[in-house]
N, C-alpha and C. Protein backbone atom coordinates (compact mmCIF):
# COMPACT_ATOMS: atom_id res chain seq x y z
N MET A 1 58.50 109.17 128.32
CA MET A 1 59.42 110.37 128.05
C MET A 1 60.78 110.06 128.43
N GLN A 2 61.80 110.39 127.62
CA GLN A 2 63.12 110.05 127.97
C GLN A 2 63.75 111.07 129.03
N ASN A 3 64.30 110.39 129.93
CA ASN A 3 64.85 111.33 131.04
C ASN A 3 66.35 111.75 130.66
N ILE A 4 66.54 112.98 130.37
CA ILE A 4 67.82 113.41 129.88
C ILE A 4 68.68 113.84 131.04
N VAL A 5 69.94 113.04 131.22
CA VAL A 5 70.91 113.47 132.19
C VAL A 5 71.85 114.65 131.87
N GLY A 6 71.92 115.52 132.84
CA GLY A 6 72.78 116.65 132.56
C GLY A 6 73.82 116.74 133.86
N ASN A 7 74.57 117.68 133.69
CA ASN A 7 75.53 117.93 134.89
C ASN A 7 74.79 118.88 135.78
N SER A 8 75.31 119.04 137.01
CA SER A 8 74.64 119.83 138.13
C SER A 8 75.51 121.21 138.18
N TYR A 9 76.45 121.39 137.46
CA TYR A 9 77.22 122.72 137.49
C TYR A 9 76.28 123.87 136.97
N ASP A 10 76.35 124.94 137.84
CA ASP A 10 75.50 126.07 137.61
C ASP A 10 76.41 127.05 136.74
N LYS A 11 76.44 126.96 135.46
CA LYS A 11 77.13 127.81 134.62
C LYS A 11 76.67 129.27 134.64
N PHE A 12 75.40 129.53 134.88
CA PHE A 12 74.93 130.88 134.92
C PHE A 12 75.18 131.48 136.23
N GLY A 13 75.39 130.74 137.39
CA GLY A 13 75.61 131.43 138.66
C GLY A 13 77.12 131.16 139.25
N SER A 14 78.00 130.74 138.31
CA SER A 14 79.30 130.49 138.78
C SER A 14 79.92 131.87 139.38
N LYS A 15 80.69 131.65 140.42
CA LYS A 15 81.39 132.75 141.07
C LYS A 15 82.88 132.84 140.54
N ASN A 16 83.25 131.72 139.77
CA ASN A 16 84.61 131.68 139.29
C ASN A 16 84.75 132.80 138.04
N PRO A 17 85.83 133.70 138.15
CA PRO A 17 85.86 134.83 137.32
C PRO A 17 86.07 134.21 135.81
N LEU A 18 86.91 133.17 135.65
CA LEU A 18 87.03 132.70 134.31
C LEU A 18 85.86 132.07 133.79
N SER A 19 85.09 131.23 134.63
CA SER A 19 83.81 130.67 134.08
C SER A 19 82.83 131.89 133.65
N ARG A 20 82.87 132.98 134.64
CA ARG A 20 81.91 133.99 134.39
C ARG A 20 82.22 134.65 133.08
N TRP A 21 83.45 134.83 132.82
CA TRP A 21 83.91 135.57 131.60
C TRP A 21 83.60 134.75 130.38
N LEU A 22 83.73 133.46 130.35
CA LEU A 22 83.43 132.44 129.19
C LEU A 22 81.96 132.54 129.07
N MET A 23 81.14 132.53 130.17
CA MET A 23 79.77 132.51 130.08
C MET A 23 79.15 133.81 129.47
N ASP A 24 79.79 134.95 129.88
CA ASP A 24 79.43 136.22 129.45
C ASP A 24 79.55 136.25 127.87
N ARG A 25 80.72 135.74 127.37
CA ARG A 25 80.94 135.67 125.81
C ARG A 25 79.96 134.95 125.17
N PHE A 26 79.69 133.79 125.84
CA PHE A 26 78.74 132.88 125.20
C PHE A 26 77.32 133.54 125.06
N LEU A 27 76.85 134.18 126.14
CA LEU A 27 75.62 134.89 126.19
C LEU A 27 75.54 136.00 125.19
N GLU A 28 76.59 136.81 125.15
CA GLU A 28 76.66 137.82 124.19
C GLU A 28 76.52 137.32 122.66
N THR A 29 77.19 136.19 122.50
CA THR A 29 77.16 135.60 121.00
C THR A 29 75.73 135.22 120.72
N ILE A 30 75.00 134.59 121.82
CA ILE A 30 73.53 134.07 121.45
C ILE A 30 72.80 135.33 121.27
N VAL A 31 72.91 136.33 122.11
CA VAL A 31 72.11 137.65 121.90
C VAL A 31 72.27 138.19 120.58
N ARG A 32 73.60 138.42 120.18
CA ARG A 32 73.94 139.13 118.92
C ARG A 32 73.40 138.38 117.82
N LEU A 33 73.44 136.99 117.80
CA LEU A 33 72.84 136.21 116.63
C LEU A 33 71.33 136.30 116.66
N ALA A 34 70.78 136.24 117.82
CA ALA A 34 69.26 136.35 117.93
C ALA A 34 68.85 137.72 117.54
N GLN A 35 69.52 138.88 117.91
CA GLN A 35 69.13 140.07 117.39
C GLN A 35 69.19 140.33 115.87
N SER A 36 70.16 139.57 115.34
CA SER A 36 70.19 139.81 113.80
C SER A 36 69.08 139.15 113.06
N THR A 37 68.23 138.46 113.67
CA THR A 37 67.02 137.92 112.94
C THR A 37 65.85 138.67 113.18
N ALA A 38 65.82 139.74 114.03
CA ALA A 38 64.68 140.61 114.38
C ALA A 38 63.48 139.90 114.58
N PRO A 39 63.47 138.96 115.47
CA PRO A 39 62.28 138.01 115.63
C PRO A 39 61.19 138.70 116.47
N LYS A 40 60.07 138.30 116.28
CA LYS A 40 58.80 138.69 117.04
C LYS A 40 58.27 137.59 117.95
N ARG A 41 58.59 136.38 117.56
CA ARG A 41 58.00 135.16 118.34
C ARG A 41 59.41 134.31 118.58
N VAL A 42 59.76 133.98 119.84
CA VAL A 42 60.89 133.25 120.06
C VAL A 42 60.60 132.00 121.00
N LEU A 43 61.05 130.82 120.68
CA LEU A 43 60.99 129.62 121.54
C LEU A 43 62.40 129.17 121.82
N GLU A 44 62.50 128.69 123.15
CA GLU A 44 63.78 128.09 123.51
C GLU A 44 63.34 126.71 123.79
N VAL A 45 64.06 125.68 123.23
CA VAL A 45 63.75 124.29 123.47
C VAL A 45 64.88 123.63 124.30
N GLY A 46 64.43 123.09 125.43
CA GLY A 46 65.39 122.54 126.46
C GLY A 46 65.97 123.76 127.42
N CYS A 47 64.95 124.29 127.97
CA CYS A 47 65.17 125.59 128.67
C CYS A 47 65.75 125.43 130.07
N GLY A 48 65.76 124.18 130.69
CA GLY A 48 66.33 123.88 131.99
C GLY A 48 65.77 124.82 133.07
N GLU A 49 66.51 125.61 133.65
CA GLU A 49 65.98 126.49 134.70
C GLU A 49 65.37 127.86 134.08
N GLY A 50 65.49 128.03 132.89
CA GLY A 50 64.90 129.14 132.14
C GLY A 50 65.69 130.36 132.04
N LYS A 51 67.11 130.19 132.58
CA LYS A 51 67.77 131.35 132.55
C LYS A 51 68.26 132.00 131.29
N LEU A 52 68.41 131.10 130.19
CA LEU A 52 68.81 131.64 128.87
C LEU A 52 67.70 132.34 128.48
N VAL A 53 66.42 131.85 128.41
CA VAL A 53 65.25 132.55 127.78
C VAL A 53 65.04 133.75 128.49
N ALA A 54 65.25 133.82 129.85
CA ALA A 54 65.14 135.06 130.67
C ALA A 54 66.07 136.06 130.21
N HIS A 55 67.28 135.60 129.86
CA HIS A 55 68.37 136.58 129.44
C HIS A 55 67.95 137.15 128.14
N LEU A 56 67.49 136.34 127.19
CA LEU A 56 67.06 136.83 125.81
C LEU A 56 65.81 137.76 126.10
N HIS A 57 64.96 137.46 127.05
CA HIS A 57 63.76 138.36 127.25
C HIS A 57 64.23 139.75 127.63
N SER A 58 65.41 139.81 128.49
CA SER A 58 65.86 141.05 128.93
C SER A 58 66.60 141.84 127.79
N ARG A 59 67.15 141.20 126.86
CA ARG A 59 67.91 141.74 125.88
C ARG A 59 67.23 141.92 124.53
N LEU A 60 66.04 141.43 124.31
CA LEU A 60 65.39 141.54 123.08
C LEU A 60 63.87 142.19 123.27
N PRO A 61 63.99 143.38 123.68
CA PRO A 61 62.65 144.05 123.98
C PRO A 61 61.52 144.14 122.98
N SER A 62 62.02 144.02 121.65
CA SER A 62 61.07 144.04 120.53
C SER A 62 60.27 142.71 120.33
N VAL A 63 60.72 141.62 120.98
CA VAL A 63 59.97 140.45 120.90
C VAL A 63 58.68 140.47 121.46
N GLN A 64 57.61 140.08 120.74
CA GLN A 64 56.30 140.12 121.21
C GLN A 64 55.77 138.83 122.15
N GLU A 65 56.43 137.64 121.71
CA GLU A 65 56.06 136.52 122.52
C GLU A 65 57.41 135.63 122.80
N PHE A 66 57.61 135.26 124.01
CA PHE A 66 58.65 134.32 124.38
C PHE A 66 58.00 133.02 124.88
N ALA A 67 58.45 131.83 124.47
CA ALA A 67 58.02 130.62 124.87
C ALA A 67 59.13 129.79 125.27
N ALA A 68 58.98 128.69 126.07
CA ALA A 68 60.10 127.71 126.26
C ALA A 68 59.62 126.38 126.64
N CYS A 69 60.29 125.27 126.60
CA CYS A 69 59.93 124.03 126.87
C CYS A 69 60.97 123.21 127.38
N ASP A 70 60.68 122.19 128.18
CA ASP A 70 61.65 121.18 128.60
C ASP A 70 60.84 119.85 128.97
N LEU A 71 61.68 118.89 129.25
CA LEU A 71 60.97 117.66 129.71
C LEU A 71 60.37 117.90 131.03
N SER A 72 60.83 118.63 131.77
CA SER A 72 60.22 119.00 133.11
C SER A 72 60.54 120.45 133.47
N LEU A 73 59.68 121.12 134.18
CA LEU A 73 59.65 122.49 134.51
C LEU A 73 60.00 122.62 136.02
N GLU A 74 60.30 121.59 136.68
CA GLU A 74 60.54 121.56 138.11
C GLU A 74 61.67 122.37 138.60
N LYS A 75 62.68 122.67 137.71
CA LYS A 75 63.83 123.45 138.09
C LYS A 75 63.81 124.83 137.63
N LEU A 76 62.58 125.29 137.23
CA LEU A 76 62.46 126.59 136.72
C LEU A 76 62.84 127.63 137.93
N ASP A 77 63.70 128.71 137.60
CA ASP A 77 64.10 129.62 138.56
C ASP A 77 62.71 130.51 138.76
N PRO A 78 62.34 130.71 140.07
CA PRO A 78 61.18 131.44 140.38
C PRO A 78 61.33 132.95 140.03
N ALA A 79 62.49 133.51 139.59
CA ALA A 79 62.44 134.84 139.20
C ALA A 79 62.34 135.13 137.78
N ILE A 80 61.95 133.99 137.04
CA ILE A 80 61.87 134.13 135.75
C ILE A 80 60.51 135.01 135.33
N PRO A 81 60.77 136.00 134.36
CA PRO A 81 59.54 136.85 134.08
C PRO A 81 58.23 135.99 133.73
N SER A 82 57.14 136.48 134.19
CA SER A 82 55.88 135.74 134.14
C SER A 82 55.35 135.69 132.76
N ASP A 83 55.83 136.61 131.76
CA ASP A 83 55.17 136.62 130.57
C ASP A 83 55.91 135.79 129.54
N ILE A 84 56.77 134.77 130.12
CA ILE A 84 57.38 133.76 129.29
C ILE A 84 56.49 132.59 129.40
N ALA A 85 56.07 131.90 128.33
CA ALA A 85 55.06 130.74 128.48
C ALA A 85 55.79 129.56 128.36
N PHE A 86 55.75 128.74 129.47
CA PHE A 86 56.52 127.59 129.54
C PHE A 86 55.52 126.38 129.39
N LYS A 87 56.09 125.30 128.64
CA LYS A 87 55.33 124.06 128.48
C LYS A 87 56.27 123.02 128.73
N VAL A 88 55.76 121.81 129.14
CA VAL A 88 56.45 120.53 129.23
C VAL A 88 56.35 119.83 127.76
N GLY A 89 57.67 119.42 127.34
CA GLY A 89 57.68 118.92 125.95
C GLY A 89 58.96 118.39 125.68
N SER A 90 59.03 117.35 124.77
CA SER A 90 60.24 116.67 124.40
C SER A 90 60.55 117.45 123.05
N ALA A 91 61.99 117.49 122.83
CA ALA A 91 62.60 117.89 121.61
C ALA A 91 62.17 117.17 120.45
N TYR A 92 61.75 115.88 120.74
CA TYR A 92 61.23 114.93 119.58
C TYR A 92 59.82 115.16 119.20
N ALA A 93 59.14 115.79 120.21
CA ALA A 93 57.62 116.08 119.91
C ALA A 93 57.29 117.37 120.52
N LEU A 94 57.58 118.50 119.86
CA LEU A 94 57.39 119.67 120.62
C LEU A 94 55.87 120.18 120.60
N PRO A 95 55.38 120.70 121.53
CA PRO A 95 53.95 120.91 121.72
C PRO A 95 53.59 122.26 121.09
N TYR A 96 53.94 122.50 119.84
CA TYR A 96 53.63 123.71 119.23
C TYR A 96 53.23 123.42 117.80
N ALA A 97 52.51 124.20 117.20
CA ALA A 97 52.10 124.02 115.64
C ALA A 97 53.28 124.36 114.87
N ASP A 98 53.21 123.94 113.64
CA ASP A 98 54.14 124.18 112.58
C ASP A 98 54.39 125.70 112.33
N ASN A 99 55.54 126.17 112.20
CA ASN A 99 55.90 127.60 111.80
C ASN A 99 55.51 128.55 112.83
N SER A 100 55.33 128.12 114.22
CA SER A 100 54.91 128.94 115.29
C SER A 100 55.83 130.08 115.56
N PHE A 101 57.15 130.08 115.32
CA PHE A 101 58.07 130.97 115.94
C PHE A 101 59.01 131.44 114.87
N ASP A 102 59.28 132.77 114.77
CA ASP A 102 60.37 133.27 113.88
C ASP A 102 61.78 132.78 114.23
N LEU A 103 61.89 132.48 115.51
CA LEU A 103 63.41 131.94 115.90
C LEU A 103 63.14 130.96 116.99
N VAL A 104 63.79 129.82 116.66
CA VAL A 104 63.77 128.75 117.68
C VAL A 104 65.28 128.55 118.22
N VAL A 105 65.52 128.54 119.52
CA VAL A 105 66.71 128.57 120.11
C VAL A 105 66.90 127.23 120.72
N CYS A 106 68.09 126.42 120.42
CA CYS A 106 68.24 125.12 121.05
C CYS A 106 69.69 125.13 121.65
N ALA A 107 69.91 125.62 122.85
CA ALA A 107 71.31 125.69 123.37
C ALA A 107 71.62 124.47 124.42
N GLU A 108 72.72 123.71 124.06
CA GLU A 108 73.25 122.87 125.00
C GLU A 108 72.22 121.68 125.14
N VAL A 109 71.65 121.26 124.06
CA VAL A 109 70.58 120.24 124.18
C VAL A 109 71.09 118.93 123.28
N LEU A 110 71.42 119.22 121.98
CA LEU A 110 71.58 118.15 121.03
C LEU A 110 72.70 117.03 121.52
N GLU A 111 73.57 117.55 122.40
CA GLU A 111 74.63 116.52 122.87
C GLU A 111 74.09 115.53 123.84
N HIS A 112 72.95 115.79 124.24
CA HIS A 112 72.26 114.92 125.35
C HIS A 112 71.31 113.91 124.55
N LEU A 113 71.08 114.06 123.33
CA LEU A 113 69.99 113.31 122.68
C LEU A 113 70.66 112.04 121.74
N GLU A 114 69.84 110.96 121.99
CA GLU A 114 70.15 109.87 121.17
C GLU A 114 69.98 110.05 119.73
N CYS A 115 69.07 110.81 119.30
CA CYS A 115 68.75 111.07 117.90
C CYS A 115 68.64 112.51 117.57
N PRO A 116 69.61 113.22 117.52
CA PRO A 116 69.62 114.73 117.22
C PRO A 116 68.91 115.04 115.90
N GLU A 117 69.02 114.08 114.94
CA GLU A 117 68.41 114.22 113.61
C GLU A 117 66.84 114.42 113.85
N ARG A 118 66.29 113.70 114.67
CA ARG A 118 64.77 113.70 114.90
C ARG A 118 64.49 115.04 115.63
N ALA A 119 65.34 115.52 116.57
CA ALA A 119 64.99 116.63 117.28
C ALA A 119 65.20 117.85 116.23
N LEU A 120 66.10 117.81 115.39
CA LEU A 120 66.31 118.77 114.29
C LEU A 120 65.14 119.01 113.49
N ALA A 121 64.54 117.91 113.07
CA ALA A 121 63.25 118.01 112.18
C ALA A 121 62.18 118.77 113.03
N GLU A 122 62.09 118.38 114.27
CA GLU A 122 61.03 119.16 115.07
C GLU A 122 61.41 120.70 115.25
N LEU A 123 62.65 120.91 115.57
CA LEU A 123 62.96 122.27 115.68
C LEU A 123 62.65 123.11 114.37
N CYS A 124 62.89 122.47 113.19
CA CYS A 124 62.68 123.18 111.85
C CYS A 124 61.08 123.15 111.59
N ARG A 125 60.39 122.11 112.21
CA ARG A 125 59.00 122.29 111.99
C ARG A 125 58.23 123.37 112.68
N THR A 126 58.73 123.78 113.87
CA THR A 126 58.21 124.76 114.64
C THR A 126 58.55 126.25 114.33
N SER A 127 59.86 126.29 113.52
CA SER A 127 60.35 127.61 113.05
C SER A 127 59.86 127.93 111.76
N SER A 128 59.40 129.18 111.73
CA SER A 128 58.94 129.73 110.31
C SER A 128 60.10 130.21 109.53
N ARG A 129 61.37 130.34 110.25
CA ARG A 129 62.58 130.73 109.52
C ARG A 129 63.77 130.50 110.19
N TYR A 130 64.16 131.01 111.40
CA TYR A 130 65.49 130.82 111.84
C TYR A 130 65.64 129.77 113.05
N LEU A 131 66.80 129.19 113.08
CA LEU A 131 67.07 128.27 114.09
C LEU A 131 68.42 128.62 114.61
N LEU A 132 68.66 128.77 115.89
CA LEU A 132 69.86 129.08 116.52
C LEU A 132 70.15 127.82 117.46
N VAL A 133 71.45 127.39 117.09
CA VAL A 133 71.89 126.06 117.98
C VAL A 133 73.33 126.25 118.50
N SER A 134 73.45 125.77 119.73
CA SER A 134 74.79 125.78 120.29
C SER A 134 75.02 124.44 120.97
N THR A 135 76.28 123.91 120.93
CA THR A 135 76.68 122.72 121.52
C THR A 135 78.10 123.00 122.11
N PRO A 136 78.55 122.13 123.01
CA PRO A 136 79.98 122.20 123.40
C PRO A 136 80.90 121.86 122.19
N ARG A 137 82.03 122.50 122.13
CA ARG A 137 82.84 122.49 120.96
C ARG A 137 83.94 121.31 121.28
N GLU A 138 83.75 120.17 120.70
CA GLU A 138 84.73 119.01 121.04
C GLU A 138 85.79 118.89 119.96
N PRO A 139 86.92 118.52 120.29
CA PRO A 139 87.32 117.81 121.64
C PRO A 139 87.77 118.85 122.56
N LEU A 140 87.61 120.23 122.34
CA LEU A 140 88.07 121.16 123.25
C LEU A 140 87.38 121.21 124.63
N TRP A 141 86.11 120.83 124.67
CA TRP A 141 85.31 120.83 125.79
C TRP A 141 85.88 119.92 126.85
N ARG A 142 86.11 118.66 126.32
CA ARG A 142 86.56 117.54 127.19
C ARG A 142 88.06 117.86 127.68
N LEU A 143 88.85 118.45 126.73
CA LEU A 143 90.20 118.73 127.26
C LEU A 143 90.24 119.88 128.30
N LEU A 144 89.35 120.83 128.14
CA LEU A 144 89.18 121.90 129.21
C LEU A 144 88.62 121.27 130.46
N ASN A 145 87.72 120.34 130.45
CA ASN A 145 87.35 119.58 131.66
C ASN A 145 88.46 118.90 132.34
N LEU A 146 89.24 118.31 131.55
CA LEU A 146 90.50 117.49 132.13
C LEU A 146 91.49 118.43 132.76
N CYS A 147 91.69 119.77 132.05
CA CYS A 147 92.61 120.76 132.58
C CYS A 147 92.10 121.21 133.98
N ARG A 148 90.90 121.10 134.24
CA ARG A 148 90.33 121.58 135.62
C ARG A 148 90.01 120.44 136.48
N LEU A 149 90.46 119.28 135.99
CA LEU A 149 90.49 118.06 136.66
C LEU A 149 88.93 117.59 137.02
N ALA A 150 88.19 117.82 135.99
CA ALA A 150 86.71 117.48 136.19
C ALA A 150 86.43 116.22 135.21
N TYR A 151 85.61 115.27 135.73
CA TYR A 151 85.31 114.13 135.06
C TYR A 151 86.49 113.29 134.37
N VAL A 152 87.45 113.23 135.25
CA VAL A 152 88.83 112.59 134.84
C VAL A 152 88.51 111.20 134.35
N LYS A 153 87.82 110.40 135.30
CA LYS A 153 87.55 109.13 134.84
C LYS A 153 86.68 108.83 133.64
N GLN A 154 85.93 109.90 133.28
CA GLN A 154 85.25 109.83 132.12
C GLN A 154 86.02 110.52 130.83
N LEU A 155 87.28 110.75 131.11
CA LEU A 155 88.14 111.41 130.05
C LEU A 155 87.58 112.72 129.67
N GLY A 156 87.02 113.47 130.67
CA GLY A 156 86.59 114.78 130.46
C GLY A 156 85.14 114.93 129.96
N ASN A 157 84.50 113.84 129.82
CA ASN A 157 83.12 113.84 129.20
C ASN A 157 82.26 114.27 130.31
N THR A 158 81.43 115.37 129.95
CA THR A 158 80.37 115.71 130.95
C THR A 158 79.26 114.68 131.13
N PRO A 159 78.88 114.59 132.29
CA PRO A 159 77.69 113.53 132.37
C PRO A 159 76.43 113.94 131.52
N GLY A 160 76.10 112.91 130.84
CA GLY A 160 74.84 113.09 129.94
C GLY A 160 75.24 113.35 128.56
N HIS A 161 76.43 113.75 128.27
CA HIS A 161 76.89 114.14 126.87
C HIS A 161 76.97 112.72 126.04
N ILE A 162 76.07 112.34 125.24
CA ILE A 162 76.19 111.08 124.52
C ILE A 162 76.57 111.44 123.02
N GLN A 163 76.40 112.80 122.58
CA GLN A 163 76.97 113.04 121.26
C GLN A 163 78.01 114.06 121.52
N HIS A 164 78.95 114.03 120.56
CA HIS A 164 80.12 114.89 120.72
C HIS A 164 80.38 115.74 119.30
N PHE A 165 80.08 117.06 119.34
CA PHE A 165 80.01 117.73 118.00
C PHE A 165 81.27 118.60 117.94
N SER A 166 81.93 118.39 116.99
CA SER A 166 82.90 119.34 116.61
C SER A 166 82.19 120.46 115.64
N PRO A 167 82.92 121.57 115.38
CA PRO A 167 82.14 122.56 114.54
C PRO A 167 81.70 121.88 113.20
N GLU A 168 82.62 121.11 112.66
CA GLU A 168 82.33 120.56 111.37
C GLU A 168 81.07 119.40 111.49
N SER A 169 81.16 118.60 112.42
CA SER A 169 80.06 117.75 112.60
C SER A 169 78.74 118.33 112.91
N LEU A 170 78.63 119.31 113.69
CA LEU A 170 77.44 120.10 113.99
C LEU A 170 77.08 120.85 112.51
N GLU A 171 77.86 121.41 111.89
CA GLU A 171 77.38 121.95 110.67
C GLU A 171 76.97 120.93 109.66
N ARG A 172 77.40 119.70 109.59
CA ARG A 172 77.02 118.73 108.75
C ARG A 172 75.57 118.30 109.19
N LEU A 173 75.32 118.23 110.50
CA LEU A 173 74.00 117.88 110.97
C LEU A 173 72.89 119.02 110.51
N LEU A 174 73.18 120.26 110.86
CA LEU A 174 72.32 121.32 110.65
C LEU A 174 72.13 121.59 109.15
N THR A 175 73.12 121.47 108.41
CA THR A 175 72.94 121.71 106.91
C THR A 175 72.20 120.53 106.27
N SER A 176 71.89 119.43 106.83
CA SER A 176 71.20 118.31 106.24
C SER A 176 69.65 118.85 106.14
N ARG A 177 69.30 120.04 106.93
CA ARG A 177 67.98 120.50 106.88
C ARG A 177 67.99 122.07 106.71
N CYS A 178 69.11 122.73 106.96
CA CYS A 178 68.98 124.25 107.04
C CYS A 178 70.20 124.78 106.24
N ASN A 179 69.95 125.95 105.97
CA ASN A 179 71.14 126.82 105.41
C ASN A 179 71.77 127.52 106.49
N LEU A 180 73.11 127.23 106.52
CA LEU A 180 74.01 127.89 107.64
C LEU A 180 74.16 129.43 107.19
N LEU A 181 73.76 130.27 108.09
CA LEU A 181 73.94 131.76 107.92
C LEU A 181 75.23 132.40 108.67
N LYS A 182 75.32 132.15 109.84
CA LYS A 182 76.47 132.58 110.61
C LYS A 182 76.97 131.55 111.61
N GLN A 183 78.21 131.54 112.01
CA GLN A 183 78.79 130.67 113.00
C GLN A 183 79.67 131.34 113.78
N ALA A 184 79.72 131.12 115.03
CA ALA A 184 80.56 131.72 116.04
C ALA A 184 81.14 130.59 117.04
N ARG A 185 82.38 130.94 117.58
CA ARG A 185 82.97 129.90 118.42
C ARG A 185 83.50 130.44 119.73
N PRO A 186 82.59 131.05 120.63
CA PRO A 186 83.06 131.44 121.83
C PRO A 186 83.50 130.33 122.73
N ILE A 187 84.72 130.27 123.14
CA ILE A 187 85.42 129.23 123.87
C ILE A 187 84.45 128.84 125.01
N PRO A 188 84.16 127.57 125.27
CA PRO A 188 84.37 126.45 124.56
C PRO A 188 83.18 125.80 123.86
N TRP A 189 82.29 126.71 123.16
CA TRP A 189 81.13 126.18 122.54
C TRP A 189 81.26 126.58 121.04
N VAL A 190 80.33 126.02 120.26
CA VAL A 190 80.19 126.52 118.80
C VAL A 190 78.65 126.82 118.78
N VAL A 191 78.31 127.87 118.13
CA VAL A 191 76.98 128.51 117.94
C VAL A 191 76.74 128.73 116.51
N MET A 192 75.53 128.19 115.94
CA MET A 192 75.34 128.41 114.51
C MET A 192 73.86 128.91 114.40
N LEU A 193 73.76 129.93 113.67
CA LEU A 193 72.46 130.44 113.15
C LEU A 193 72.24 129.93 111.75
N THR A 194 71.08 129.37 111.59
CA THR A 194 70.64 128.70 110.33
C THR A 194 69.31 129.25 109.98
N GLU A 195 68.85 129.04 108.62
CA GLU A 195 67.71 129.30 108.03
C GLU A 195 67.10 127.94 107.74
N CYS A 196 65.92 127.71 108.25
CA CYS A 196 65.26 126.33 107.91
C CYS A 196 64.79 126.27 106.48
N ALA A 197 65.28 125.27 105.72
CA ALA A 197 65.03 125.17 104.29
C ALA A 197 63.47 124.77 104.11
């Protein structure tokens, strides 16, 4: 199983007021788009510490089933609600049956993958209808990293980012398999809600 490298910056727990404001806008965008689908079963792929799925759990009370997976569950926050079902699994081979979820969420994952097209096929396979995806918005992401003097030797590229999506390139990828329904651009991300074709 491929070891995905990410950065160690805790974007959910940052004390920096600007980082907190940006993260709040990102989370509100994800919640608003997820709510618009009125899902009953939600899966997050690439859940990391589980903080995004826990946030959705707190904001979407009508959802009957929450599930999440990642390559490893070693970093799960112990405060995560116990009724979220976690599994170990790769975005290339999700451990769920076809059409298992009304909404599949994949936030901040595709930029880490060598073959995002393969992952997209799996995301669509497990969704009975909706797919919600976010990635850093390039080249803005790297520029903002450079402005805060982060990853200067890498020209602002966050460790582990091997794909760099502009809104246009992310749309091209997603519409190769899905119909684009809504798009939002909370700085410095791009978030797209699609319907699997």
